[in-house]
PDB file of all heavy atoms in Angstrom:
ATOM      1  N   SER A   1      -8.114   8.903  -5.893  1.00  0.00           N
ATOM      2  CA  SER A   1      -8.137   9.771  -4.682  1.00  0.00           C
ATOM      3  C   SER A   1      -8.024   8.922  -3.433  1.00  0.00           C
ATOM      4  O   SER A   1      -8.494   7.750  -3.345  1.00  0.00           O
ATOM      5  CB  SER A   1      -9.500  10.467  -4.762  1.00  0.00           C
ATOM      6  OG  SER A   1      -9.717  11.265  -5.915  1.00  0.00           O
ATOM      7  N   TYR A   2      -7.562   9.531  -2.344  1.00  0.00           N
ATOM      8  CA  TYR A   2      -7.242   8.859  -1.096  1.00  0.00           C
ATOM      9  C   TYR A   2      -8.577   8.268  -0.495  1.00  0.00           C
ATOM     10  O   TYR A   2      -9.530   9.128  -0.297  1.00  0.00           O
ATOM     11  CB  TYR A   2      -6.635   9.761  -0.201  1.00  0.00           C
ATOM     12  CG  TYR A   2      -6.296   9.174   1.257  1.00  0.00           C
ATOM     13  CD1 TYR A   2      -5.684   7.979   1.352  1.00  0.00           C
ATOM     14  CD2 TYR A   2      -6.706   9.819   2.343  1.00  0.00           C
ATOM     15  CE1 TYR A   2      -5.427   7.443   2.595  1.00  0.00           C
ATOM     16  CE2 TYR A   2      -6.311   9.395   3.670  1.00  0.00           C
ATOM     17  CZ  TYR A   2      -5.771   8.108   3.750  1.00  0.00           C
ATOM     18  OH  TYR A   2      -5.429   7.661   4.976  1.00  0.00           O
ATOM     19  N   ASN A   3      -8.724   6.965  -0.405  1.00  0.00           N
ATOM     20  CA  ASN A   3     -10.016   6.382   0.012  1.00  0.00           C
ATOM     21  C   ASN A   3      -9.763   5.091   0.724  1.00  0.00           C
ATOM     22  O   ASN A   3     -10.045   3.930   0.032  1.00  0.00           O
ATOM     23  CB  ASN A   3     -10.930   6.300  -1.115  1.00  0.00           C
ATOM     24  CG  ASN A   3     -12.403   5.959  -0.725  1.00  0.00           C
ATOM     25  OD1 ASN A   3     -12.604   5.427   0.390  1.00  0.00           O
ATOM     26  ND2 ASN A   3     -13.324   6.252  -1.544  1.00  0.00           N
ATOM     27  N   PRO A   4      -9.251   5.054   1.916  1.00  0.00           N
ATOM     28  CA  PRO A   4      -8.886   3.827   2.605  1.00  0.00           C
ATOM     29  C   PRO A   4     -10.040   2.881   2.802  1.00  0.00           C
ATOM     30  O   PRO A   4      -9.814   1.605   2.777  1.00  0.00           O
ATOM     31  CB  PRO A   4      -8.308   4.213   3.916  1.00  0.00           C
ATOM     32  CG  PRO A   4      -8.819   5.692   4.139  1.00  0.00           C
ATOM     33  CD  PRO A   4      -9.016   6.229   2.786  1.00  0.00           C
ATOM     34  N   GLU A   5     -11.209   3.357   2.926  1.00  0.00           N
ATOM     35  CA  GLU A   5     -12.443   2.495   3.100  1.00  0.00           C
ATOM     36  C   GLU A   5     -12.738   1.707   1.804  1.00  0.00           C
ATOM     37  O   GLU A   5     -12.985   0.574   1.763  1.00  0.00           O
ATOM     38  CB  GLU A   5     -13.760   3.264   3.530  1.00  0.00           C
ATOM     39  CG  GLU A   5     -13.495   3.804   4.973  1.00  0.00           C
ATOM     40  CD  GLU A   5     -13.129   2.705   5.904  1.00  0.00           C
ATOM     41  OE1 GLU A   5     -13.699   1.635   6.009  1.00  0.00           O
ATOM     42  OE2 GLU A   5     -12.229   2.957   6.795  1.00  0.00           O
ATOM     43  N   LYS A   6     -12.656   2.429   0.713  1.00  0.00           N
ATOM     44  CA  LYS A   6     -12.783   1.751  -0.642  1.00  0.00           C
ATOM     45  C   LYS A   6     -11.738   0.722  -0.923  1.00  0.00           C
ATOM     46  O   LYS A   6     -11.907  -0.354  -1.437  1.00  0.00           O
ATOM     47  CB  LYS A   6     -12.912   2.863  -1.684  1.00  0.00           C
ATOM     48  CG  LYS A   6     -12.979   2.287  -3.205  1.00  0.00           C
ATOM     49  CD  LYS A   6     -14.212   1.430  -3.363  1.00  0.00           C
ATOM     50  CE  LYS A   6     -14.431   1.120  -4.785  1.00  0.00           C
ATOM     51  NZ  LYS A   6     -15.677   0.211  -5.041  1.00  0.00           N
ATOM     52  N   ALA A   7     -10.549   1.090  -0.416  1.00  0.00           N
ATOM     53  CA  ALA A   7      -9.463   0.237  -0.562  1.00  0.00           C
ATOM     54  C   ALA A   7      -9.654  -1.111   0.143  1.00  0.00           C
ATOM     55  O   ALA A   7      -9.417  -2.234  -0.429  1.00  0.00           O
ATOM     56  CB  ALA A   7      -8.131   0.876  -0.102  1.00  0.00           C
ATOM     57  N   LYS A   8     -10.206  -1.040   1.382  1.00  0.00           N
ATOM     58  CA  LYS A   8     -10.483  -2.195   2.035  1.00  0.00           C
ATOM     59  C   LYS A   8     -11.627  -3.098   1.395  1.00  0.00           C
ATOM     60  O   LYS A   8     -11.497  -4.321   1.368  1.00  0.00           O
ATOM     61  CB  LYS A   8     -10.968  -1.890   3.515  1.00  0.00           C
ATOM     62  CG  LYS A   8      -9.858  -1.275   4.438  1.00  0.00           C
ATOM     63  CD  LYS A   8     -10.530  -0.880   5.707  1.00  0.00           C
ATOM     64  CE  LYS A   8      -9.452  -0.136   6.594  1.00  0.00           C
ATOM     65  NZ  LYS A   8     -10.103   0.307   7.941  1.00  0.00           N
ATOM     66  N   GLU A   9     -12.612  -2.357   0.813  1.00  0.00           N
ATOM     67  CA  GLU A   9     -13.587  -3.179   0.081  1.00  0.00           C
ATOM     68  C   GLU A   9     -13.045  -3.838  -1.074  1.00  0.00           C
ATOM     69  O   GLU A   9     -13.432  -4.952  -1.426  1.00  0.00           O
ATOM     70  CB  GLU A   9     -14.694  -2.125  -0.321  1.00  0.00           C
ATOM     71  CG  GLU A   9     -15.445  -1.486   0.686  1.00  0.00           C
ATOM     72  CD  GLU A   9     -16.484  -0.400   0.293  1.00  0.00           C
ATOM     73  OE1 GLU A   9     -16.651  -0.369  -0.984  1.00  0.00           O
ATOM     74  OE2 GLU A   9     -17.072   0.323   1.062  1.00  0.00           O
ATOM     75  N   LEU A  10     -12.196  -3.266  -1.853  1.00  0.00           N
ATOM     76  CA  LEU A  10     -11.542  -3.865  -3.026  1.00  0.00           C
ATOM     77  C   LEU A  10     -10.703  -5.055  -2.646  1.00  0.00           C
ATOM     78  O   LEU A  10     -10.772  -6.118  -3.272  1.00  0.00           O
ATOM     79  CB  LEU A  10     -10.669  -2.864  -3.734  1.00  0.00           C
ATOM     80  CG  LEU A  10     -11.382  -1.802  -4.623  1.00  0.00           C
ATOM     81  CD1 LEU A  10     -10.324  -0.747  -5.092  1.00  0.00           C
ATOM     82  CD2 LEU A  10     -12.144  -2.529  -5.766  1.00  0.00           C
ATOM     83  N   LEU A  11      -9.978  -4.988  -1.470  1.00  0.00           N
ATOM     84  CA  LEU A  11      -9.299  -6.175  -1.001  1.00  0.00           C
ATOM     85  C   LEU A  11     -10.111  -7.298  -0.630  1.00  0.00           C
ATOM     86  O   LEU A  11      -9.868  -8.408  -0.956  1.00  0.00           O
ATOM     87  CB  LEU A  11      -8.380  -5.768   0.161  1.00  0.00           C
ATOM     88  CG  LEU A  11      -7.199  -4.843  -0.081  1.00  0.00           C
ATOM     89  CD1 LEU A  11      -6.424  -4.513   1.195  1.00  0.00           C
ATOM     90  CD2 LEU A  11      -6.181  -5.550  -1.076  1.00  0.00           C
ATOM     91  N   LYS A  12     -11.272  -6.898  -0.062  1.00  0.00           N
ATOM     92  CA  LYS A  12     -12.248  -7.959   0.294  1.00  0.00           C
ATOM     93  C   LYS A  12     -12.897  -8.609  -0.939  1.00  0.00           C
ATOM     94  O   LYS A  12     -13.026  -9.875  -1.000  1.00  0.00           O
ATOM     95  CB  LYS A  12     -13.335  -7.339   1.141  1.00  0.00           C
ATOM     96  CG  LYS A  12     -14.353  -8.322   1.757  1.00  0.00           C
ATOM     97  CD  LYS A  12     -15.359  -7.685   2.738  1.00  0.00           C
ATOM     98  CE  LYS A  12     -16.351  -8.712   3.206  1.00  0.00           C
ATOM     99  NZ  LYS A  12     -17.287  -7.922   4.264  1.00  0.00           N
ATOM    100  N   GLU A  13     -13.176  -7.783  -2.003  1.00  0.00           N
ATOM    101  CA  GLU A  13     -13.802  -8.343  -3.179  1.00  0.00           C
ATOM    102  C   GLU A  13     -12.750  -9.226  -3.897  1.00  0.00           C
ATOM    103  O   GLU A  13     -13.172 -10.207  -4.513  1.00  0.00           O
ATOM    104  CB  GLU A  13     -14.147  -7.067  -4.205  1.00  0.00           C
ATOM    105  CG  GLU A  13     -15.262  -6.257  -3.817  1.00  0.00           C
ATOM    106  CD  GLU A  13     -15.521  -5.187  -4.722  1.00  0.00           C
ATOM    107  OE1 GLU A  13     -14.917  -5.162  -5.853  1.00  0.00           O
ATOM    108  OE2 GLU A  13     -16.178  -4.205  -4.339  1.00  0.00           O
ATOM    109  N   ALA A  14     -11.485  -9.006  -3.772  1.00  0.00           N
ATOM    110  CA  ALA A  14     -10.482  -9.745  -4.406  1.00  0.00           C
ATOM    111  C   ALA A  14     -10.164 -11.028  -3.635  1.00  0.00           C
ATOM    112  O   ALA A  14      -9.340 -11.877  -4.048  1.00  0.00           O
ATOM    113  CB  ALA A  14      -9.214  -8.895  -4.560  1.00  0.00           C
ATOM    114  N   GLY A  15     -10.844 -11.222  -2.493  1.00  0.00           N
ATOM    115  CA  GLY A  15     -10.623 -12.380  -1.660  1.00  0.00           C
ATOM    116  C   GLY A  15      -9.289 -12.345  -0.866  1.00  0.00           C
ATOM    117  O   GLY A  15      -8.840 -13.421  -0.426  1.00  0.00           O
ATOM    118  N   VAL A  16      -8.778 -11.130  -0.613  1.00  0.00           N
ATOM    119  CA  VAL A  16      -7.567 -11.044   0.072  1.00  0.00           C
ATOM    120  C   VAL A  16      -7.855 -10.819   1.494  1.00  0.00           C
ATOM    121  O   VAL A  16      -8.502  -9.838   1.962  1.00  0.00           O
ATOM    122  CB  VAL A  16      -6.633  -9.935  -0.418  1.00  0.00           C
ATOM    123  CG1 VAL A  16      -5.479  -9.764   0.372  1.00  0.00           C
ATOM    124  CG2 VAL A  16      -6.349 -10.161  -1.894  1.00  0.00           C
ATOM    125  N   LYS A  17      -7.239 -11.748   2.364  1.00  0.00           N
ATOM    126  CA  LYS A  17      -7.399 -11.530   3.713  1.00  0.00           C
ATOM    127  C   LYS A  17      -6.250 -10.785   4.353  1.00  0.00           C
ATOM    128  O   LYS A  17      -5.073 -11.182   4.053  1.00  0.00           O
ATOM    129  CB  LYS A  17      -7.461 -13.020   4.440  1.00  0.00           C
ATOM    130  CG  LYS A  17      -8.761 -13.808   4.004  1.00  0.00           C
ATOM    131  CD  LYS A  17      -8.874 -15.099   4.725  1.00  0.00           C
ATOM    132  CE  LYS A  17     -10.058 -15.908   4.316  1.00  0.00           C
ATOM    133  NZ  LYS A  17     -10.201 -17.178   4.950  1.00  0.00           N
ATOM    134  N   THR A  18      -6.551  -9.785   5.074  1.00  0.00           N
ATOM    135  CA  THR A  18      -5.452  -9.010   5.753  1.00  0.00           C
ATOM    136  C   THR A  18      -5.164  -9.590   7.059  1.00  0.00           C
ATOM    137  O   THR A  18      -5.938 -10.322   7.598  1.00  0.00           O
ATOM    138  CB  THR A  18      -5.894  -7.486   5.926  1.00  0.00           C
ATOM    139  OG1 THR A  18      -7.052  -7.506   6.624  1.00  0.00           O
ATOM    140  CG2 THR A  18      -6.026  -6.789   4.628  1.00  0.00           C
ATOM    141  N   PRO A  19      -3.885  -9.466   7.594  1.00  0.00           N
ATOM    142  CA  PRO A  19      -2.802  -8.656   6.866  1.00  0.00           C
ATOM    143  C   PRO A  19      -2.163  -9.416   5.801  1.00  0.00           C
ATOM    144  O   PRO A  19      -2.011 -10.624   5.901  1.00  0.00           O
ATOM    145  CB  PRO A  19      -1.926  -8.393   8.066  1.00  0.00           C
ATOM    146  CG  PRO A  19      -1.914  -9.567   8.890  1.00  0.00           C
ATOM    147  CD  PRO A  19      -3.495 -10.016   8.804  1.00  0.00           C
ATOM    148  N   ILE A  20      -1.826  -8.716   4.699  1.00  0.00           N
ATOM    149  CA  ILE A  20      -1.003  -9.306   3.638  1.00  0.00           C
ATOM    150  C   ILE A  20       0.397  -8.582   3.731  1.00  0.00           C
ATOM    151  O   ILE A  20       0.576  -7.500   4.227  1.00  0.00           O
ATOM    152  CB  ILE A  20      -1.567  -9.031   2.259  1.00  0.00           C
ATOM    153  CG1 ILE A  20      -1.701  -7.538   1.904  1.00  0.00           C
ATOM    154  CG2 ILE A  20      -2.868  -9.724   2.056  1.00  0.00           C
ATOM    155  CD1 ILE A  20      -2.128  -7.196   0.556  1.00  0.00           C
ATOM    156  N   GLN A  21       1.335  -9.395   3.332  1.00  0.00           N
ATOM    157  CA  GLN A  21       2.749  -8.980   3.392  1.00  0.00           C
ATOM    158  C   GLN A  21       3.110  -8.293   2.066  1.00  0.00           C
ATOM    159  O   GLN A  21       3.021  -8.849   1.065  1.00  0.00           O
ATOM    160  CB  GLN A  21       3.675 -10.113   3.657  1.00  0.00           C
ATOM    161  CG  GLN A  21       3.333 -10.990   4.905  1.00  0.00           C
ATOM    162  CD  GLN A  21       3.539 -10.255   6.149  1.00  0.00           C
ATOM    163  OE1 GLN A  21       4.562  -9.531   6.328  1.00  0.00           O
ATOM    164  NE2 GLN A  21       2.711 -10.545   7.181  1.00  0.00           N
ATOM    165  N   VAL A  22       3.666  -7.015   2.174  1.00  0.00           N
ATOM    166  CA  VAL A  22       4.118  -6.319   0.950  1.00  0.00           C
ATOM    167  C   VAL A  22       5.531  -5.810   1.101  1.00  0.00           C
ATOM    168  O   VAL A  22       5.745  -5.043   2.222  1.00  0.00           O
ATOM    169  CB  VAL A  22       3.169  -5.124   0.593  1.00  0.00           C
ATOM    170  CG1 VAL A  22       3.761  -4.521  -0.666  1.00  0.00           C
ATOM    171  CG2 VAL A  22       1.826  -5.698   0.374  1.00  0.00           C
ATOM    172  N   THR A  23       6.486  -6.225   0.322  1.00  0.00           N
ATOM    173  CA  THR A  23       7.831  -5.589   0.380  1.00  0.00           C
ATOM    174  C   THR A  23       7.867  -4.616  -0.737  1.00  0.00           C
ATOM    175  O   THR A  23       7.720  -4.816  -1.867  1.00  0.00           O
ATOM    176  CB  THR A  23       8.915  -6.637   0.091  1.00  0.00           C
ATOM    177  OG1 THR A  23       8.807  -7.581   1.213  1.00  0.00           O
ATOM    178  CG2 THR A  23      10.345  -6.065   0.051  1.00  0.00           C
ATOM    179  N   LEU A  24       8.152  -3.290  -0.314  1.00  0.00           N
ATOM    180  CA  LEU A  24       8.192  -2.161  -1.235  1.00  0.00           C
ATOM    181  C   LEU A  24       9.773  -1.806  -1.342  1.00  0.00           C
ATOM    182  O   LEU A  24      10.312  -1.354  -0.486  1.00  0.00           O
ATOM    183  CB  LEU A  24       7.469  -0.949  -0.669  1.00  0.00           C
ATOM    184  CG  LEU A  24       7.445   0.245  -1.499  1.00  0.00           C
ATOM    185  CD1 LEU A  24       6.864   0.160  -2.889  1.00  0.00           C
ATOM    186  CD2 LEU A  24       6.697   1.389  -0.799  1.00  0.00           C
ATOM    187  N   MET A  25      10.303  -1.942  -2.628  1.00  0.00           N
ATOM    188  CA  MET A  25      11.661  -1.561  -2.864  1.00  0.00           C
ATOM    189  C   MET A  25      11.657  -0.191  -3.498  1.00  0.00           C
ATOM    190  O   MET A  25      10.863   0.226  -4.312  1.00  0.00           O
ATOM    191  CB  MET A  25      12.328  -2.562  -3.798  1.00  0.00           C
ATOM    192  CG  MET A  25      13.854  -2.300  -4.010  1.00  0.00           C
ATOM    193  SD  MET A  25      14.795  -3.644  -4.777  1.00  0.00           S
ATOM    194  CE  MET A  25      14.047  -3.511  -6.476  1.00  0.00           C
ATOM    195  N   SER A  26      12.717   0.625  -3.057  1.00  0.00           N
ATOM    196  CA  SER A  26      12.834   1.989  -3.494  1.00  0.00           C
ATOM    197  C   SER A  26      14.200   2.412  -3.583  1.00  0.00           C
ATOM    198  O   SER A  26      15.081   1.766  -2.856  1.00  0.00           O
ATOM    199  CB  SER A  26      12.059   2.960  -2.601  1.00  0.00           C
ATOM    200  OG  SER A  26      12.279   4.365  -2.888  1.00  0.00           O
ATOM    201  N   SER A  27      14.576   3.359  -4.457  1.00  0.00           N
ATOM    202  CA  SER A  27      15.967   3.856  -4.470  1.00  0.00           C
ATOM    203  C   SER A  27      16.108   4.848  -3.309  1.00  0.00           C
ATOM    204  O   SER A  27      15.028   5.266  -2.712  1.00  0.00           O
ATOM    205  CB  SER A  27      16.235   4.593  -5.765  1.00  0.00           C
ATOM    206  OG  SER A  27      15.393   5.588  -5.958  1.00  0.00           O
ATOM    207  N   ASN A  28      17.248   5.241  -2.940  1.00  0.00           N
ATOM    208  CA  ASN A  28      17.497   6.027  -1.726  1.00  0.00           C
ATOM    209  C   ASN A  28      17.679   7.491  -2.023  1.00  0.00           C
ATOM    210  O   ASN A  28      18.412   8.282  -1.347  1.00  0.00           O
ATOM    211  CB  ASN A  28      18.656   5.522  -0.892  1.00  0.00           C
ATOM    212  CG  ASN A  28      20.006   5.734  -1.693  1.00  0.00           C
ATOM    213  OD1 ASN A  28      20.002   5.879  -2.905  1.00  0.00           O
ATOM    214  ND2 ASN A  28      21.068   5.711  -0.945  1.00  0.00           N
ATOM    215  N   ILE A  29      17.073   7.988  -3.201  1.00  0.00           N
ATOM    216  CA  ILE A  29      16.999   9.407  -3.494  1.00  0.00           C
ATOM    217  C   ILE A  29      16.395  10.118  -2.349  1.00  0.00           C
ATOM    218  O   ILE A  29      15.428   9.674  -1.754  1.00  0.00           O
ATOM    219  CB  ILE A  29      16.226   9.637  -4.771  1.00  0.00           C
ATOM    220  CG1 ILE A  29      16.972   8.968  -5.989  1.00  0.00           C
ATOM    221  CG2 ILE A  29      16.179  11.181  -5.097  1.00  0.00           C
ATOM    222  CD1 ILE A  29      16.131   9.039  -7.251  1.00  0.00           C
ATOM    223  N   SER A  30      16.949  11.262  -1.972  1.00  0.00           N
ATOM    224  CA  SER A  30      16.392  11.886  -0.643  1.00  0.00           C
ATOM    225  C   SER A  30      14.890  12.037  -0.511  1.00  0.00           C
ATOM    226  O   SER A  30      14.424  11.670   0.499  1.00  0.00           O
ATOM    227  CB  SER A  30      17.099  13.327  -0.579  1.00  0.00           C
ATOM    228  OG  SER A  30      16.691  14.083  -1.628  1.00  0.00           O
ATOM    229  N   TRP A  31      14.248  12.468  -1.508  1.00  0.00           N
ATOM    230  CA  TRP A  31      12.835  12.754  -1.413  1.00  0.00           C
ATOM    231  C   TRP A  31      11.991  11.440  -1.436  1.00  0.00           C
ATOM    232  O   TRP A  31      10.895  11.243  -0.948  1.00  0.00           O
ATOM    233  CB  TRP A  31      12.273  13.704  -2.393  1.00  0.00           C
ATOM    234  CG  TRP A  31      12.574  13.490  -3.834  1.00  0.00           C
ATOM    235  CD1 TRP A  31      13.562  13.719  -4.599  1.00  0.00           C
ATOM    236  CD2 TRP A  31      11.600  12.744  -4.693  1.00  0.00           C
ATOM    237  NE1 TRP A  31      13.509  13.261  -5.871  1.00  0.00           N
ATOM    238  CE2 TRP A  31      12.220  12.680  -5.999  1.00  0.00           C
ATOM    239  CE3 TRP A  31      10.416  12.110  -4.574  1.00  0.00           C
ATOM    240  CZ2 TRP A  31      11.612  12.094  -7.004  1.00  0.00           C
ATOM    241  CZ3 TRP A  31       9.738  11.566  -5.611  1.00  0.00           C
ATOM    242  CH2 TRP A  31      10.355  11.467  -6.864  1.00  0.00           C
ATOM    243  N   THR A  32      12.483  10.420  -2.247  1.00  0.00           N
ATOM    244  CA  THR A  32      11.782   9.155  -2.355  1.00  0.00           C
ATOM    245  C   THR A  32      11.857   8.389  -1.002  1.00  0.00           C
ATOM    246  O   THR A  32      10.928   7.643  -0.661  1.00  0.00           O
ATOM    247  CB  THR A  32      12.313   8.306  -3.494  1.00  0.00           C
ATOM    248  OG1 THR A  32      13.747   8.029  -3.274  1.00  0.00           O
ATOM    249  CG2 THR A  32      12.160   8.912  -4.783  1.00  0.00           C
ATOM    250  N   LYS A  33      12.957   8.618  -0.304  1.00  0.00           N
ATOM    251  CA  LYS A  33      13.124   7.912   0.939  1.00  0.00           C
ATOM    252  C   LYS A  33      12.007   8.403   1.983  1.00  0.00           C
ATOM    253  O   LYS A  33      11.456   7.689   2.858  1.00  0.00           O
ATOM    254  CB  LYS A  33      14.505   8.161   1.663  1.00  0.00           C
ATOM    255  CG  LYS A  33      15.610   7.409   1.016  1.00  0.00           C
ATOM    256  CD  LYS A  33      16.846   7.489   1.792  1.00  0.00           C
ATOM    257  CE  LYS A  33      17.373   8.887   1.958  1.00  0.00           C
ATOM    258  NZ  LYS A  33      18.697   8.909   2.606  1.00  0.00           N
ATOM    259  N   VAL A  34      11.649   9.749   1.866  1.00  0.00           N
ATOM    260  CA  VAL A  34      10.559  10.235   2.661  1.00  0.00           C
ATOM    261  C   VAL A  34       9.230   9.909   2.077  1.00  0.00           C
ATOM    262  O   VAL A  34       8.361   9.438   2.907  1.00  0.00           O
ATOM    263  CB  VAL A  34      10.676  11.811   2.637  1.00  0.00           C
ATOM    264  CG1 VAL A  34       9.460  12.432   3.452  1.00  0.00           C
ATOM    265  CG2 VAL A  34      12.040  12.331   3.217  1.00  0.00           C
ATOM    266  N   ALA A  35       9.083   9.803   0.810  1.00  0.00           N
ATOM    267  CA  ALA A  35       7.726   9.487   0.143  1.00  0.00           C
ATOM    268  C   ALA A  35       7.387   8.042   0.577  1.00  0.00           C
ATOM    269  O   ALA A  35       6.148   7.830   0.809  1.00  0.00           O
ATOM    270  CB  ALA A  35       7.924   9.631  -1.330  1.00  0.00           C
ATOM    271  N   VAL A  36       8.196   7.099   0.577  1.00  0.00           N
ATOM    272  CA  VAL A  36       7.867   5.681   0.805  1.00  0.00           C
ATOM    273  C   VAL A  36       7.227   5.483   2.212  1.00  0.00           C
ATOM    274  O   VAL A  36       6.542   4.591   2.422  1.00  0.00           O
ATOM    275  CB  VAL A  36       8.946   4.690   0.516  1.00  0.00           C
ATOM    276  CG1 VAL A  36       9.247   4.757  -0.951  1.00  0.00           C
ATOM    277  CG2 VAL A  36      10.242   5.034   1.334  1.00  0.00           C
ATOM    278  N   ASN A  37       7.652   6.378   3.122  1.00  0.00           N
ATOM    279  CA  ASN A  37       7.129   6.285   4.509  1.00  0.00           C
ATOM    280  C   ASN A  37       5.734   6.660   4.503  1.00  0.00           C
ATOM    281  O   ASN A  37       4.801   5.899   5.297  1.00  0.00           O
ATOM    282  CB  ASN A  37       7.957   7.197   5.477  1.00  0.00           C
ATOM    283  CG  ASN A  37       9.328   6.774   5.810  1.00  0.00           C
ATOM    284  OD1 ASN A  37       9.617   5.598   5.952  1.00  0.00           O
ATOM    285  ND2 ASN A  37      10.396   7.705   5.752  1.00  0.00           N
TER     286      ASN A  37
END
């Protein structure tokens, strides 16, 4: 379930310091182009 605060806690537990760089690759199917945004 959508929970950005819990997400931040998990990153902290994992020892990850933000900001982290993430490259997300996707195909250009019409609806996936919208979804990745």
